[in-house]
N, C-alpha and C. Protein backbone atom coordinates (compact mmCIF):
# COMPACT_ATOMS: atom_id res chain seq x y z
N MET A 1 0.83 -1.05 -0.17
CA MET A 1 -0.30 0.12 -0.27
C MET A 1 0.90 1.34 -0.22
N GLY A 2 2.24 1.09 0.58
CA GLY A 2 3.20 2.19 0.54
C GLY A 2 3.41 2.86 -0.60
N LEU A 3 3.88 2.10 -1.92
CA LEU A 3 4.21 2.08 -2.76
C LEU A 3 3.05 3.08 -3.76
N ILE A 4 2.00 2.43 -3.44
CA ILE A 4 0.68 2.96 -4.39
C ILE A 4 0.23 4.62 -3.92
N ALA A 5 0.57 4.68 -2.72
CA ALA A 5 0.51 6.11 -1.99
C ALA A 5 1.37 7.03 -2.37
N GLU A 6 2.79 6.47 -2.44
CA GLU A 6 3.92 7.30 -3.16
C GLU A 6 3.68 7.57 -4.67
N VAL A 7 3.38 6.32 -5.17
CA VAL A 7 2.70 6.79 -6.84
C VAL A 7 1.73 7.62 -6.85
N LEU A 8 0.88 7.80 -5.96
CA LEU A 8 -0.49 8.89 -6.36
C LEU A 8 0.39 10.10 -5.68
N PHE A 9 0.98 10.13 -4.54
CA PHE A 9 1.46 11.41 -4.46
C PHE A 9 2.55 11.98 -5.09
N TRP A 10 3.39 11.45 -5.98
CA TRP A 10 4.17 12.04 -7.14
C TRP A 10 3.57 12.13 -8.29
N SER A 11 2.53 11.40 -8.75
CA SER A 11 1.72 11.91 -9.88
C SER A 11 1.02 13.09 -9.67
N SER A 12 0.57 13.12 -8.52
CA SER A 12 0.11 14.36 -8.29
C SER A 12 0.57 15.84 -8.33
N VAL A 13 1.79 15.52 -7.74
CA VAL A 13 2.81 16.35 -7.43
C VAL A 13 3.24 16.83 -9.17
N PHE A 14 3.21 15.89 -10.07
CA PHE A 14 3.91 15.82 -11.34
C PHE A 14 3.02 16.63 -12.16
N LEU A 15 1.34 16.31 -11.48
CA LEU A 15 0.48 16.82 -12.36
C LEU A 15 0.38 18.69 -12.12
N GLY A 16 0.56 19.07 -11.12
CA GLY A 16 0.64 20.36 -10.28
C GLY A 16 1.83 21.06 -11.38
N THR A 17 2.80 20.39 -10.82
CA THR A 17 3.50 20.93 -11.75
C THR A 17 3.95 21.10 -13.17
N ALA A 18 3.06 20.37 -13.81
CA ALA A 18 2.74 20.20 -15.36
C ALA A 18 1.89 21.74 -15.74
N GLY A 19 0.87 21.79 -14.73
CA GLY A 19 0.05 22.94 -14.70
C GLY A 19 0.74 24.13 -14.62
N LEU A 20 1.61 24.46 -13.44
CA LEU A 20 2.27 25.55 -13.38
C LEU A 20 3.43 25.83 -15.02
N LEU A 21 3.99 24.70 -15.41
CA LEU A 21 4.93 24.62 -16.60
C LEU A 21 3.74 25.31 -17.79
N PHE A 22 2.50 24.72 -17.91
CA PHE A 22 1.60 25.31 -18.58
C PHE A 22 1.24 26.84 -18.77
N CYS A 23 1.08 27.24 -16.98
CA CYS A 23 0.86 28.58 -17.14
C CYS A 23 2.26 29.35 -17.77
N ALA A 24 3.30 29.11 -17.54
CA ALA A 24 4.47 29.55 -17.84
C ALA A 24 4.33 29.65 -19.30
N VAL A 25 4.67 28.60 -19.93
CA VAL A 25 4.73 28.78 -21.54
C VAL A 25 3.79 29.33 -21.88
N TYR A 26 2.54 29.25 -21.60
CA TYR A 26 1.17 29.82 -22.10
C TYR A 26 1.77 31.24 -22.18
N ALA A 27 2.02 31.88 -21.23
CA ALA A 27 2.46 33.39 -20.99
C ALA A 27 3.08 34.06 -21.69
N LEU A 28 4.77 33.27 -21.84
CA LEU A 28 5.64 33.47 -22.73
C LEU A 28 4.98 33.72 -24.26
N ILE A 29 3.80 32.51 -24.77
CA ILE A 29 3.35 32.41 -25.92
C ILE A 29 2.57 33.56 -26.19
N LEU A 30 1.81 33.90 -25.23
CA LEU A 30 1.25 35.38 -25.46
C LEU A 30 1.80 36.50 -25.51
N PHE A 31 3.12 36.66 -24.69
CA PHE A 31 3.78 37.71 -24.98
C PHE A 31 4.64 37.96 -26.35
N SER A 32 4.77 36.92 -26.74
CA SER A 32 5.24 36.59 -28.39
C SER A 32 4.22 37.00 -29.36
N ASP A 33 2.91 36.55 -28.82
CA ASP A 33 2.02 36.81 -29.69
C ASP A 33 1.56 38.50 -29.81
N LEU A 34 2.07 39.42 -28.48
CA LEU A 34 1.56 40.63 -28.47
C LEU A 34 2.57 41.00 -29.17
N THR A 35 4.05 40.84 -29.38
CA THR A 35 4.81 41.59 -29.56
C THR A 35 5.07 41.45 -31.46
N ALA A 36 4.44 40.08 -32.00
CA ALA A 36 3.88 40.07 -33.53
C ALA A 36 2.72 40.53 -33.62
N ASP A 37 2.01 41.23 -32.73
CA ASP A 37 1.15 41.86 -33.03
C ASP A 37 -0.43 40.95 -33.66
N HIS A 38 -0.29 39.62 -32.98
CA HIS A 38 -1.29 38.56 -33.22
C HIS A 38 -2.59 38.76 -32.08
N ILE A 39 -2.32 39.41 -31.43
CA ILE A 39 -3.15 39.53 -30.20
C ILE A 39 -3.16 40.83 -29.64
N ASN A 40 -4.31 41.48 -29.21
CA ASN A 40 -4.19 42.86 -28.78
C ASN A 40 -3.97 42.98 -27.14
N PRO A 41 -3.53 44.02 -26.55
CA PRO A 41 -2.90 44.33 -25.25
C PRO A 41 -4.34 44.18 -24.68
N VAL A 42 -5.66 44.29 -24.40
CA VAL A 42 -6.96 44.14 -23.85
C VAL A 42 -7.11 42.54 -23.70
N GLU A 43 -6.93 42.04 -24.66
CA GLU A 43 -7.14 40.21 -24.32
C GLU A 43 -5.81 39.73 -23.73
N LEU A 44 -4.65 39.85 -24.07
CA LEU A 44 -3.67 39.46 -23.43
C LEU A 44 -3.66 39.69 -21.70
N CYS A 45 -3.77 41.03 -21.55
CA CYS A 45 -4.07 41.33 -20.21
C CYS A 45 -5.10 40.69 -19.24
N GLU A 46 -6.31 40.34 -20.45
CA GLU A 46 -7.39 39.40 -19.91
C GLU A 46 -7.33 37.92 -19.52
N LEU A 47 -6.22 37.68 -20.39
CA LEU A 47 -6.11 36.01 -20.48
C LEU A 47 -4.98 36.18 -19.51
N ILE A 48 -3.87 36.44 -19.23
CA ILE A 48 -2.72 36.29 -18.36
C ILE A 48 -3.18 36.68 -16.92
N ASN A 49 -4.22 37.63 -16.75
CA ASN A 49 -4.73 38.09 -15.27
C ASN A 49 -5.70 37.22 -14.71
N ARG A 50 -6.33 36.25 -15.46
CA ARG A 50 -6.80 35.48 -15.24
C ARG A 50 -6.40 33.82 -14.53
N LEU A 51 -4.97 33.98 -15.11
CA LEU A 51 -4.19 32.90 -14.67
C LEU A 51 -3.21 32.95 -13.35
N VAL A 52 -3.45 34.33 -12.95
CA VAL A 52 -2.45 34.61 -11.95
C VAL A 52 -2.53 34.07 -10.49
N LEU A 53 -4.07 34.09 -10.10
CA LEU A 53 -4.54 33.75 -8.93
C LEU A 53 -4.43 32.36 -8.91
N PRO A 54 -4.86 31.46 -9.65
CA PRO A 54 -4.76 30.04 -9.87
C PRO A 54 -3.15 29.68 -9.76
N GLU A 55 -2.34 30.36 -10.38
CA GLU A 55 -1.03 29.60 -10.62
C GLU A 55 -0.13 30.21 -9.18
N TYR A 56 -0.53 31.20 -8.56
CA TYR A 56 0.25 31.74 -7.17
C TYR A 56 -0.60 30.43 -6.35
N LEU A 57 -2.21 30.65 -6.08
CA LEU A 57 -2.40 28.92 -5.41
C LEU A 57 -1.86 27.62 -5.35
N GLY A 58 -1.60 27.42 -6.74
CA GLY A 58 -1.32 26.33 -7.21
C GLY A 58 0.12 25.94 -6.61
N HIS A 59 0.73 26.88 -6.84
CA HIS A 59 2.15 26.84 -6.32
C HIS A 59 2.19 26.57 -4.63
N VAL A 60 1.48 27.44 -4.16
CA VAL A 60 1.54 28.06 -2.57
C VAL A 60 0.64 26.20 -2.33
N ALA A 61 0.22 25.85 -2.82
CA ALA A 61 -0.16 24.48 -2.31
C ALA A 61 0.32 23.40 -2.83
N LEU A 62 0.93 23.07 -3.65
CA LEU A 62 2.10 22.08 -4.00
C LEU A 62 3.24 22.29 -3.18
N THR A 63 3.85 23.29 -2.42
CA THR A 63 4.83 23.35 -1.84
C THR A 63 3.97 22.83 -0.23
N ALA A 64 2.87 23.47 0.08
CA ALA A 64 2.00 22.90 1.00
C ALA A 64 2.61 21.62 1.17
N VAL A 65 2.05 20.72 0.39
CA VAL A 65 1.86 19.35 0.16
C VAL A 65 3.18 18.97 0.36
N LEU A 66 4.22 19.36 -0.19
CA LEU A 66 5.61 19.29 -0.17
C LEU A 66 6.13 18.97 1.31
N LEU A 67 5.28 20.17 2.08
CA LEU A 67 6.03 20.13 3.48
C LEU A 67 5.19 19.50 4.46
N LEU A 68 3.99 18.99 4.12
CA LEU A 68 3.21 17.89 4.95
C LEU A 68 3.79 16.98 4.81
N LYS A 69 4.54 16.08 3.60
CA LYS A 69 4.85 15.17 3.23
C LYS A 69 6.42 14.80 4.10
N GLY A 70 6.71 16.19 4.31
CA GLY A 70 8.32 15.99 5.12
C GLY A 70 9.41 16.43 4.12
N LEU A 71 9.12 16.86 3.04
CA LEU A 71 10.52 17.00 1.96
C LEU A 71 10.74 18.02 1.99
N LEU A 72 11.50 18.85 2.66
CA LEU A 72 12.18 19.98 3.03
C LEU A 72 12.89 20.72 1.96
N ILE A 73 13.62 19.77 1.49
CA ILE A 73 14.58 20.50 0.07
C ILE A 73 13.90 20.84 -1.16
N PRO A 74 12.87 20.37 -1.41
CA PRO A 74 11.83 20.70 -2.19
C PRO A 74 11.21 21.90 -2.13
N ALA A 75 10.27 21.74 -0.67
CA ALA A 75 9.65 23.17 -0.37
C ALA A 75 10.51 24.47 -0.15
N VAL A 76 11.78 24.50 0.42
CA VAL A 76 12.69 25.32 0.32
C VAL A 76 13.14 25.75 -0.96
N LEU A 77 13.30 25.08 -1.87
CA LEU A 77 13.92 25.44 -3.18
C LEU A 77 12.39 26.58 -3.74
N ASN A 78 11.36 26.24 -3.71
CA ASN A 78 10.30 26.62 -4.01
C ASN A 78 9.68 27.79 -3.05
N LEU A 79 11.06 28.16 -1.89
CA LEU A 79 10.26 29.16 -1.21
C LEU A 79 10.51 31.05 -2.00
N PRO A 80 11.74 30.73 -2.74
CA PRO A 80 11.82 31.96 -3.16
C PRO A 80 10.86 32.61 -4.54
N LEU A 81 10.29 31.14 -5.00
CA LEU A 81 9.53 32.00 -5.89
C LEU A 81 7.89 32.27 -5.28
N ILE A 82 7.55 31.65 -4.23
CA ILE A 82 6.58 32.20 -3.36
C ILE A 82 6.67 32.88 -2.65
N LEU A 83 7.84 33.83 -2.37
CA LEU A 83 8.09 35.20 -1.74
C LEU A 83 8.05 36.03 -2.79
N PHE A 84 8.54 35.70 -3.97
CA PHE A 84 8.29 36.56 -5.11
C PHE A 84 7.04 36.97 -5.28
N HIS A 85 6.33 36.01 -5.74
CA HIS A 85 4.56 36.06 -5.81
C HIS A 85 3.94 37.03 -4.44
N THR A 86 4.20 36.44 -3.59
CA THR A 86 3.84 37.67 -2.04
C THR A 86 3.98 38.96 -2.41
N TRP A 87 5.24 38.93 -2.60
CA TRP A 87 5.72 40.58 -3.01
C TRP A 87 4.85 41.28 -3.91
N ARG A 88 5.02 40.42 -5.18
CA ARG A 88 4.05 41.27 -6.44
C ARG A 88 2.71 41.15 -6.29
N TYR A 89 2.34 40.34 -5.23
CA TYR A 89 0.60 40.48 -4.96
C TYR A 89 0.34 41.69 -3.71
N ARG A 90 1.21 41.65 -2.84
CA ARG A 90 1.20 42.60 -1.71
C ARG A 90 1.39 43.65 -2.25
N GLU A 91 2.39 44.47 -3.40
CA GLU A 91 2.46 45.50 -4.19
C GLU A 91 1.94 45.73 -5.25
N ARG A 92 0.52 44.80 -5.56
CA ARG A 92 -0.09 45.36 -6.51
C ARG A 92 0.34 45.03 -8.29
N LYS A 93 1.02 44.41 -8.24
CA LYS A 93 1.87 44.08 -9.35
C LYS A 93 1.68 42.83 -9.76
N HIS A 94 0.60 42.29 -9.62
CA HIS A 94 0.09 40.91 -9.84
C HIS A 94 -0.34 40.96 -11.28
N LEU A 95 -1.25 42.01 -11.37
CA LEU A 95 -1.87 41.84 -12.60
C LEU A 95 -1.65 42.78 -13.31
N LEU A 96 -1.56 42.53 -15.01
CA LEU A 96 -1.37 43.44 -16.14
C LEU A 96 -2.26 44.38 -16.33
N ASP A 97 -1.92 45.78 -16.59
CA ASP A 97 -2.40 46.86 -17.08
C ASP A 97 -2.70 46.72 -18.79
N ASN A 98 -3.56 46.78 -19.49
CA ASN A 98 -3.70 46.95 -21.07
C ASN A 98 -3.18 48.07 -21.12
N THR A 99 -3.14 49.31 -20.71
CA THR A 99 -2.85 50.37 -20.85
C THR A 99 -1.47 50.68 -21.15
N SER A 100 -0.68 49.74 -20.10
CA SER A 100 0.95 50.00 -20.13
C SER A 100 1.99 48.64 -20.51
N ILE A 101 1.15 48.04 -21.00
CA ILE A 101 1.99 46.30 -21.34
C ILE A 101 2.70 46.46 -22.37
N PHE A 102 2.65 47.43 -23.33
CA PHE A 102 3.86 47.51 -23.88
C PHE A 102 5.20 48.13 -23.43
N ASN A 103 5.16 48.48 -22.49
CA ASN A 103 6.43 48.79 -21.75
C ASN A 103 6.69 48.49 -20.96
N ASP A 104 5.72 47.27 -20.67
CA ASP A 104 5.65 46.17 -19.13
C ASP A 104 6.52 44.95 -19.93
N VAL A 105 6.03 44.75 -21.03
CA VAL A 105 6.48 43.61 -21.98
C VAL A 105 7.69 42.94 -21.80
N GLU A 106 8.73 43.87 -21.69
CA GLU A 106 10.45 43.62 -21.44
C GLU A 106 10.74 43.14 -20.27
N LYS A 107 9.62 43.60 -19.33
CA LYS A 107 10.05 43.17 -17.88
C LYS A 107 9.21 42.38 -17.39
N GLU A 108 8.47 41.93 -18.41
CA GLU A 108 7.66 40.74 -17.77
C GLU A 108 7.88 39.22 -18.42
N ARG A 109 8.48 39.44 -19.60
CA ARG A 109 9.05 38.41 -20.14
C ARG A 109 10.12 37.70 -19.75
N PRO A 110 10.97 38.20 -18.73
CA PRO A 110 12.04 37.48 -18.09
C PRO A 110 11.50 37.06 -16.89
N ILE A 111 10.64 37.50 -16.65
CA ILE A 111 9.96 36.74 -15.11
C ILE A 111 9.24 35.68 -15.61
N CYS A 112 8.83 35.41 -16.79
CA CYS A 112 8.05 34.41 -17.51
C CYS A 112 9.05 32.89 -17.52
N VAL A 113 10.36 33.62 -18.17
CA VAL A 113 11.25 32.54 -18.37
C VAL A 113 11.72 32.52 -17.35
N ALA A 114 11.91 32.94 -16.00
CA ALA A 114 12.87 33.01 -15.05
C ALA A 114 11.75 31.77 -14.33
N LYS A 115 9.97 31.86 -14.27
CA LYS A 115 9.60 31.05 -13.78
C LYS A 115 9.54 29.76 -14.43
N LEU A 116 9.23 29.64 -15.79
CA LEU A 116 9.34 28.00 -16.39
C LEU A 116 11.16 27.38 -16.06
N ALA A 117 11.97 28.32 -15.94
CA ALA A 117 13.22 27.61 -15.54
C ALA A 117 13.35 26.99 -14.30
N HIS A 118 12.16 27.43 -13.43
CA HIS A 118 12.16 27.42 -11.88
C HIS A 118 11.08 25.78 -12.18
N HIS A 119 10.35 26.16 -12.47
CA HIS A 119 9.24 24.89 -12.52
C HIS A 119 10.05 23.67 -13.33
N LEU A 120 10.55 23.78 -14.95
CA LEU A 120 11.57 22.87 -15.00
C LEU A 120 12.16 22.19 -14.02
N LEU A 121 13.14 23.03 -13.39
CA LEU A 121 13.90 22.34 -12.42
C LEU A 121 13.45 21.72 -11.36
N MET A 122 12.35 22.10 -11.14
CA MET A 122 11.63 21.50 -10.08
C MET A 122 11.27 20.09 -10.30
N PHE A 123 10.46 20.46 -11.43
CA PHE A 123 10.03 18.90 -12.25
C PHE A 123 11.34 17.91 -11.94
N PHE A 124 12.41 18.37 -12.56
CA PHE A 124 13.49 17.31 -12.55
C PHE A 124 13.83 16.54 -11.32
N ILE A 125 13.85 17.65 -10.48
CA ILE A 125 14.22 17.23 -8.77
C ILE A 125 13.10 16.38 -8.28
N TYR A 126 11.71 16.62 -8.49
CA TYR A 126 10.82 15.77 -7.88
C TYR A 126 10.58 14.29 -8.74
N LEU A 127 11.14 14.37 -10.04
CA LEU A 127 11.33 13.15 -10.55
C LEU A 127 12.29 12.39 -9.85
N TYR A 128 13.50 13.25 -9.75
CA TYR A 128 14.75 12.17 -9.04
C TYR A 128 13.89 11.63 -7.75
N PHE A 129 13.46 12.58 -6.83
CA PHE A 129 12.99 11.88 -5.71
C PHE A 129 11.95 10.81 -6.10
N PHE A 130 11.08 10.93 -7.03
CA PHE A 130 10.27 9.46 -7.60
C PHE A 130 10.86 8.47 -7.71
N ILE A 131 12.02 8.64 -8.64
CA ILE A 131 12.74 7.57 -8.64
C ILE A 131 13.19 6.91 -7.58
N ILE A 132 13.79 7.81 -6.50
CA ILE A 132 14.40 7.36 -5.48
C ILE A 132 13.48 6.65 -4.59
N ALA A 133 12.23 6.83 -4.55
CA ALA A 133 11.11 6.54 -3.92
C ALA A 133 10.78 5.00 -4.36
N LEU A 134 11.18 4.53 -5.62
CA LEU A 134 10.77 3.66 -6.46
C LEU A 134 11.94 2.63 -6.20
N ALA A 135 12.55 3.06 -5.69
CA ALA A 135 13.86 2.45 -5.62
C ALA A 135 14.29 1.82 -4.13
N ALA A 136 13.74 2.71 -3.40
CA ALA A 136 13.57 2.26 -1.70
C ALA A 136 12.46 1.21 -1.65
N ALA A 137 11.24 1.11 -2.71
CA ALA A 137 10.14 0.34 -1.99
C ALA A 137 10.70 -1.36 -2.79
């Protein structure tokens, strides 16, 4: 029963991380579409702003699950991005404004790339822990 519980745990972690990866890639694609003039600023801001809170809450929930499981290393590795999200939310910088998006796109794109890199790195760390759990069983 322990092995099945571990597989289900890591499967849920992988799915959560895949959702976070999707959010980062989707935002990058939307920023590229904006610079190529395939999408208007109002539509871009609506689409990205709709994803902000679910992304933040999903990341916090994933980290909380890791903490509850007792996996301190992955939880601590998630902490800087959670602190960054908290700072953006408290400073009211988490939502994009369609009137200034062309000025902000060069600041927001590197943030999306950094989030993508972080979530990809965490995905491979979770994969490592998953393989270790399978080998121990």
